[in-house]
Protein backbone atom coordinates (compact mmCIF):
# COMPACT_ATOMS: atom_id res chain seq x y z
CA MET A 1 149.97 97.36 78.39
CA LYS A 2 147.97 94.12 78.14
CA LYS A 3 146.45 94.75 81.59
CA PHE A 4 145.19 98.13 80.47
CA LEU A 5 143.65 96.70 77.30
CA PHE A 6 141.95 93.96 79.20
CA LEU A 7 140.59 96.37 81.68
CA THR A 8 139.34 98.76 79.02
CA ALA A 9 137.74 95.96 77.16
CA ALA A 10 136.12 94.76 80.30
CA LEU A 11 134.77 98.25 81.10
CA LEU A 12 133.45 98.71 77.57
CA SER A 13 131.65 95.34 77.55
CA SER A 14 130.06 95.99 80.96
CA SER A 15 128.76 99.36 79.94
CA ALA A 16 127.60 98.05 76.69
CA MET A 17 125.38 95.55 78.66
CA ALA A 18 123.81 98.47 80.77
CA GLU A 19 120.17 98.56 80.18
CA THR A 20 117.47 101.39 80.60
CA GLN A 21 114.92 100.12 83.19
CA ARG A 22 111.53 101.87 82.88
CA LEU A 23 108.73 101.71 85.49
CA ALA A 24 105.34 103.46 85.51
CA ILE A 25 103.64 103.80 88.96
CA HIS A 26 99.87 104.22 89.11
CA VAL A 27 98.84 106.75 91.86
CA ASP A 28 94.91 107.03 92.17
CA GLU A 29 94.47 107.30 95.99
CA ASN A 30 94.45 110.39 98.24
CA ASP A 31 96.53 108.63 100.86
CA PRO A 32 99.90 109.64 102.07
CA LYS A 33 100.73 106.16 103.23
CA VAL A 34 100.01 104.86 99.65
CA MET A 35 102.00 107.55 98.06
CA ASN A 36 104.92 106.99 100.42
CA LEU A 37 104.74 103.39 99.40
CA ALA A 38 104.88 104.31 95.78
CA LEU A 39 107.83 106.66 96.44
CA ASN A 40 109.70 103.95 98.42
CA ASN A 41 109.15 101.52 95.60
CA ALA A 42 110.45 104.19 93.10
CA GLN A 43 113.53 104.81 95.10
CA ASN A 44 114.17 101.04 95.66
CA VAL A 45 113.83 100.22 92.04
CA LYS A 46 116.31 103.15 91.20
CA ALA A 47 118.93 101.94 93.84
CA TYR A 48 118.66 98.33 92.67
CA TYR A 49 119.29 98.88 89.06
CA SER A 50 121.59 101.84 89.47
CA ALA A 51 123.87 99.45 91.62
CA LYS A 52 123.92 97.13 88.45
CA GLY A 53 124.96 99.88 86.21
CA ASP A 54 121.55 100.40 84.57
CA GLU A 55 119.84 103.72 83.86
CA VAL A 56 116.41 103.99 85.51
CA ILE A 57 113.35 106.09 84.58
CA VAL A 58 110.44 106.02 86.94
CA GLU A 59 107.22 107.92 86.10
CA LEU A 60 104.52 108.30 88.70
CA VAL A 61 101.28 109.04 87.13
CA ALA A 62 98.45 110.55 89.31
CA TYR A 63 94.82 110.82 88.59
CA GLY A 64 91.48 110.92 90.33
CA PRO A 65 91.83 111.31 94.14
CA GLY A 66 95.58 110.57 93.63
CA LEU A 67 96.09 113.96 92.16
CA ASN A 68 95.85 115.38 95.70
CA MET A 69 99.31 114.10 96.21
CA TYR A 70 100.67 116.63 93.62
CA LEU A 71 98.78 119.68 94.96
CA ASP A 72 100.88 122.41 96.61
CA ASN A 73 99.58 121.39 100.13
CA SER A 74 100.50 117.71 99.62
CA PRO A 75 101.67 115.99 102.70
CA VAL A 76 104.42 114.42 100.69
CA LYS A 77 105.39 117.58 98.93
CA GLU A 78 109.02 117.75 100.37
CA ARG A 79 109.74 114.22 99.57
CA ILE A 80 108.53 114.63 95.93
CA GLU A 81 110.70 117.87 95.70
CA THR A 82 113.74 115.94 96.73
CA LEU A 83 113.16 113.07 94.28
CA GLY A 84 112.38 115.65 91.54
CA MET A 85 115.92 116.74 91.77
CA ASP A 86 116.88 113.48 90.27
CA GLU A 87 116.01 113.31 86.54
CA SER A 88 115.23 109.55 86.86
CA PHE A 89 111.94 110.54 88.49
CA LYS A 90 109.01 112.07 86.60
CA PHE A 91 105.55 113.08 88.03
CA SER A 92 102.66 113.22 85.63
CA ALA A 93 99.40 114.83 86.64
CA CYS A 94 96.14 114.06 84.81
CA ASN A 95 94.67 117.29 83.26
CA ASN A 96 91.20 115.82 83.12
CA THR A 97 91.29 115.45 86.96
CA TYR A 98 92.91 118.80 87.37
CA THR A 99 90.15 120.54 85.30
CA LYS A 100 87.40 118.88 87.33
CA MET A 101 89.04 119.50 90.76
CA SER A 102 89.67 123.07 89.80
CA LYS A 103 86.00 123.61 88.53
CA LYS A 104 84.69 122.06 91.76
CA ALA A 105 87.06 124.30 93.87
CA GLY A 106 86.05 127.33 91.96
CA LYS A 107 89.65 128.26 91.25
CA ASP A 108 92.74 126.96 89.58
CA LEU A 109 94.55 124.60 91.87
CA VAL A 110 98.28 124.83 92.39
CA LEU A 111 100.35 121.85 91.49
CA ILE A 112 103.85 121.37 92.89
CA SER A 113 106.50 122.31 90.32
CA GLU A 114 107.56 118.73 89.76
CA ALA A 115 104.21 117.66 88.45
CA GLN A 116 103.69 118.10 84.74
CA LYS A 117 100.18 117.84 83.27
CA VAL A 118 99.35 115.21 80.72
CA PRO A 119 95.96 115.18 78.95
CA SER A 120 94.85 111.98 80.77
CA GLY A 121 96.41 109.99 83.42
CA VAL A 122 94.92 106.63 82.19
CA VAL A 123 95.96 107.28 78.62
CA ARG A 124 99.60 108.17 79.84
CA LEU A 125 99.79 104.81 81.73
CA MET A 126 98.75 103.10 78.51
CA GLU A 127 101.30 104.95 76.46
CA LEU A 128 104.02 104.14 78.85
CA GLN A 129 103.20 100.44 78.89
CA LYS A 130 103.08 100.51 75.09
CA GLU A 131 106.61 102.00 75.28
CA GLY A 132 107.84 98.99 77.31
CA TYR A 133 107.49 100.47 80.95
CA ALA A 134 106.71 97.93 83.63
CA TYR A 135 103.60 98.72 85.58
CA LEU A 136 103.12 98.98 89.34
CA ARG A 137 100.12 99.92 91.36
CA PRO A 138 101.15 100.05 95.13
């Protein structure tokens, strides 16, 4: 019985020590190599902290030319779709950029389903940092 109580106490104390790690990744380049680097960083951070028992939230925020990485014809579409199955990863798309790109194209552009519009990519990054997210620009 003492072993069981000790083990239970140890499990409770280790889970009580678990933290939520938050990372915001800035995506502003229309470059699959840079986006793959960002996705690698996101996966590596998730793997590292998950192995320590921490929860991980990673939000990739795209604006400017980086929004191309969230369009339906994105060269990294399949990879984002796979990561999007994990609730730890979020993909924010700047609506300011989306509106300008759609106007220039003369039609509404199609975003991948994982991308959620936010009013402004820059403002979203500011908000995330205010909420305690670490910031990374690959």
